[in-house]
Amino acid sequence: MKKYVLTFVSAMLVMACLVSAQASQVSQEPAAKSESGKVLAVDVAKNEFKVKDDKGIEKSISVTADTKITKEGKDVSLDELKTGDRVMYELDSSANPPVAKMLMVMTAKPGKP
């Protein structure tokens, strides 16, 4: 009986260690950071756009089939992005050059420039 209890306790300790290790690994992944800026150029053939972020830094950002692009709450494609559009985006921090995970085209409210 002692042997079974010791085996059970050992198994529970191993499982607890595995769960703890997995939880700490997940928490070490960087959180997605949203950025925003103004579109300077769009190159649909290369699946990328150039943006000047709110800090004044120009960036070329790629999009993939996994990039979610929205405008006015609806899914759109890259070819609907226009020079001068204000955008908010999240980048895949592990990709080089940067790849957008999410891209949202922000539209002005009626009556506001």
C-alpha atoms as a PDB file:
ATOM      1  CA  MET A   1       0.000   0.000   0.000  1.00  0.00           C
ATOM      2  CA  LYS A   2       2.832   2.382   0.873  1.00  0.00           C
ATOM      3  CA  LYS A   3       4.368   1.668  -2.507  1.00  0.00           C
ATOM      4  CA  TYR A   4       1.165   2.759  -4.320  1.00  0.00           C
ATOM      5  CA  VAL A   5       0.841   5.924  -2.250  1.00  0.00           C
ATOM      6  CA  LEU A   6       4.487   6.821  -2.873  1.00  0.00           C
ATOM      7  CA  THR A   7       4.070   6.193  -6.620  1.00  0.00           C
ATOM      8  CA  PHE A   8       0.894   8.304  -6.701  1.00  0.00           C
ATOM      9  CA  VAL A   9       2.515  11.199  -4.805  1.00  0.00           C
ATOM     10  CA  SER A  10       5.583  11.051  -7.059  1.00  0.00           C
ATOM     11  CA  ALA A  11       3.406  11.144 -10.173  1.00  0.00           C
ATOM     12  CA  MET A  12       1.473  14.129  -8.813  1.00  0.00           C
ATOM     13  CA  LEU A  13       4.718  16.002  -8.085  1.00  0.00           C
ATOM     14  CA  VAL A  14       6.004  15.351 -11.605  1.00  0.00           C
ATOM     15  CA  MET A  15       2.721  16.589 -13.098  1.00  0.00           C
ATOM     16  CA  ALA A  16       2.789  19.703 -10.908  1.00  0.00           C
ATOM     17  CA  CYS A  17       6.334  20.486 -12.056  1.00  0.00           C
ATOM     18  CA  LEU A  18       5.366  20.050 -15.727  1.00  0.00           C
ATOM     19  CA  VAL A  19       2.330  22.325 -15.388  1.00  0.00           C
ATOM     20  CA  SER A  20       4.400  24.929 -13.555  1.00  0.00           C
ATOM     21  CA  ALA A  21       7.131  24.850 -16.220  1.00  0.00           C
ATOM     22  CA  GLN A  22       4.581  25.190 -19.010  1.00  0.00           C
ATOM     23  CA  ALA A  23       2.836  28.115 -17.267  1.00  0.00           C
ATOM     24  CA  SER A  24       6.112  29.992 -16.791  1.00  0.00           C
ATOM     25  CA  GLN A  25       7.025  29.429 -20.439  1.00  0.00           C
ATOM     26  CA  VAL A  26       3.715  30.925 -21.596  1.00  0.00           C
ATOM     27  CA  SER A  27       4.115  33.958 -19.340  1.00  0.00           C
ATOM     28  CA  GLN A  28       7.578  34.686 -20.787  1.00  0.00           C
ATOM     29  CA  GLU A  29       6.176  35.299 -24.265  1.00  0.00           C
ATOM     30  CA  PRO A  30       6.049  39.041 -24.952  1.00  0.00           C
ATOM     31  CA  ALA A  31       2.595  40.574 -25.011  1.00  0.00           C
ATOM     32  CA  ALA A  32       1.385  41.891 -28.353  1.00  0.00           C
ATOM     33  CA  LYS A  33       1.883  45.633 -28.561  1.00  0.00           C
ATOM     34  CA  SER A  34      -0.411  47.821 -30.608  1.00  0.00           C
ATOM     35  CA  GLU A  35       1.096  50.664 -32.595  1.00  0.00           C
ATOM     36  CA  SER A  36      -0.475  53.223 -34.892  1.00  0.00           C
ATOM     37  CA  GLY A  37       0.552  55.526 -37.694  1.00  0.00           C
ATOM     38  CA  LYS A  38      -0.148  56.894 -41.156  1.00  0.00           C
ATOM     39  CA  VAL A  39       0.225  54.806 -44.321  1.00  0.00           C
ATOM     40  CA  LEU A  40       2.884  56.200 -46.686  1.00  0.00           C
ATOM     41  CA  ALA A  41       2.699  53.544 -49.418  1.00  0.00           C
ATOM     42  CA  VAL A  42       1.084  50.190 -50.226  1.00  0.00           C
ATOM     43  CA  ASP A  43       2.687  47.480 -52.386  1.00  0.00           C
ATOM     44  CA  VAL A  44       0.095  44.748 -52.927  1.00  0.00           C
ATOM     45  CA  ALA A  45       2.467  42.719 -55.153  1.00  0.00           C
ATOM     46  CA  LYS A  46       4.999  42.459 -52.297  1.00  0.00           C
ATOM     47  CA  ASN A  47       2.315  42.103 -49.585  1.00  0.00           C
ATOM     48  CA  GLU A  48       3.651  45.043 -47.636  1.00  0.00           C
ATOM     49  CA  PHE A  49       2.963  48.620 -46.690  1.00  0.00           C
ATOM     50  CA  LYS A  50       5.073  51.480 -45.402  1.00  0.00           C
ATOM     51  CA  VAL A  51       3.916  53.418 -42.366  1.00  0.00           C
ATOM     52  CA  LYS A  52       5.146  56.409 -40.388  1.00  0.00           C
ATOM     53  CA  ASP A  53       4.350  55.572 -36.785  1.00  0.00           C
ATOM     54  CA  ASP A  54       3.238  58.078 -34.165  1.00  0.00           C
ATOM     55  CA  LYS A  55       6.855  58.478 -33.045  1.00  0.00           C
ATOM     56  CA  GLY A  56       7.824  59.599 -36.561  1.00  0.00           C
ATOM     57  CA  ILE A  57       9.645  56.371 -37.462  1.00  0.00           C
ATOM     58  CA  GLU A  58       9.084  54.955 -40.956  1.00  0.00           C
ATOM     59  CA  LYS A  59       8.678  51.172 -41.179  1.00  0.00           C
ATOM     60  CA  SER A  60       8.037  48.636 -43.912  1.00  0.00           C
ATOM     61  CA  ILE A  61       5.607  46.023 -42.654  1.00  0.00           C
ATOM     62  CA  SER A  62       4.704  42.756 -44.359  1.00  0.00           C
ATOM     63  CA  VAL A  63       1.320  41.055 -44.292  1.00  0.00           C
ATOM     64  CA  THR A  64       0.599  37.348 -44.653  1.00  0.00           C
ATOM     65  CA  ALA A  65      -2.486  35.256 -45.229  1.00  0.00           C
ATOM     66  CA  ASP A  66      -2.801  35.114 -41.436  1.00  0.00           C
ATOM     67  CA  THR A  67      -2.882  38.915 -41.033  1.00  0.00           C
ATOM     68  CA  LYS A  68      -6.369  40.079 -40.058  1.00  0.00           C
ATOM     69  CA  ILE A  69      -7.138  43.368 -41.854  1.00  0.00           C
ATOM     70  CA  THR A  70     -10.305  45.247 -40.928  1.00  0.00           C
ATOM     71  CA  LYS A  71     -11.974  48.521 -41.910  1.00  0.00           C
ATOM     72  CA  GLU A  72     -15.199  49.746 -40.306  1.00  0.00           C
ATOM     73  CA  GLY A  73     -15.528  46.367 -38.578  1.00  0.00           C
ATOM     74  CA  LYS A  74     -15.392  44.350 -41.801  1.00  0.00           C
ATOM     75  CA  ASP A  75     -12.611  42.110 -43.110  1.00  0.00           C
ATOM     76  CA  VAL A  76     -10.834  43.677 -46.074  1.00  0.00           C
ATOM     77  CA  SER A  77      -7.756  42.919 -48.181  1.00  0.00           C
ATOM     78  CA  LEU A  78      -4.495  44.824 -48.444  1.00  0.00           C
ATOM     79  CA  ASP A  79      -5.547  46.445 -51.735  1.00  0.00           C
ATOM     80  CA  GLU A  80      -8.188  48.433 -49.819  1.00  0.00           C
ATOM     81  CA  LEU A  81      -5.470  50.141 -47.774  1.00  0.00           C
ATOM     82  CA  LYS A  82      -4.685  53.614 -49.160  1.00  0.00           C
ATOM     83  CA  THR A  83      -1.892  56.148 -48.739  1.00  0.00           C
ATOM     84  CA  GLY A  84      -2.861  58.548 -45.973  1.00  0.00           C
ATOM     85  CA  ASP A  85      -5.000  56.035 -44.036  1.00  0.00           C
ATOM     86  CA  ARG A  86      -4.551  55.994 -40.275  1.00  0.00           C
ATOM     87  CA  VAL A  87      -3.932  52.455 -39.051  1.00  0.00           C
ATOM     88  CA  MET A  88      -3.467  50.548 -35.831  1.00  0.00           C
ATOM     89  CA  TYR A  89      -1.466  47.318 -35.992  1.00  0.00           C
ATOM     90  CA  GLU A  90       0.113  44.560 -33.950  1.00  0.00           C
ATOM     91  CA  LEU A  91       3.435  43.139 -35.074  1.00  0.00           C
ATOM     92  CA  ASP A  92       4.880  39.657 -34.748  1.00  0.00           C
ATOM     93  CA  SER A  93       7.917  40.554 -32.663  1.00  0.00           C
ATOM     94  CA  SER A  94       9.807  37.425 -33.721  1.00  0.00           C
ATOM     95  CA  ALA A  95       9.664  38.230 -37.456  1.00  0.00           C
ATOM     96  CA  ASN A  96      12.314  40.198 -39.315  1.00  0.00           C
ATOM     97  CA  PRO A  97      11.249  42.217 -41.265  1.00  0.00           C
ATOM     98  CA  PRO A  98       8.157  43.008 -39.182  1.00  0.00           C
ATOM     99  CA  VAL A  99       4.944  41.141 -40.030  1.00  0.00           C
ATOM    100  CA  ALA A 100       1.534  42.486 -39.035  1.00  0.00           C
ATOM    101  CA  LYS A 101      -0.609  40.057 -37.051  1.00  0.00           C
ATOM    102  CA  MET A 102      -3.515  42.502 -37.076  1.00  0.00           C
ATOM    103  CA  LEU A 103      -4.142  45.684 -39.084  1.00  0.00           C
ATOM    104  CA  MET A 104      -7.109  47.955 -38.470  1.00  0.00           C
ATOM    105  CA  VAL A 105      -7.844  50.900 -40.787  1.00  0.00           C
ATOM    106  CA  MET A 106      -9.218  53.747 -38.694  1.00  0.00           C
ATOM    107  CA  THR A 107     -11.812  55.967 -40.334  1.00  0.00           C
ATOM    108  CA  ALA A 108     -12.724  59.532 -39.383  1.00  0.00           C
ATOM    109  CA  LYS A 109     -16.133  60.057 -37.860  1.00  0.00           C
ATOM    110  CA  PRO A 110     -18.574  62.076 -39.991  1.00  0.00           C
ATOM    111  CA  GLY A 111     -18.179  65.803 -39.484  1.00  0.00           C
ATOM    112  CA  LYS A 112     -14.547  65.520 -38.348  1.00  0.00           C
ATOM    113  CA  PRO A 113     -11.561  66.070 -40.626  1.00  0.00           C
END
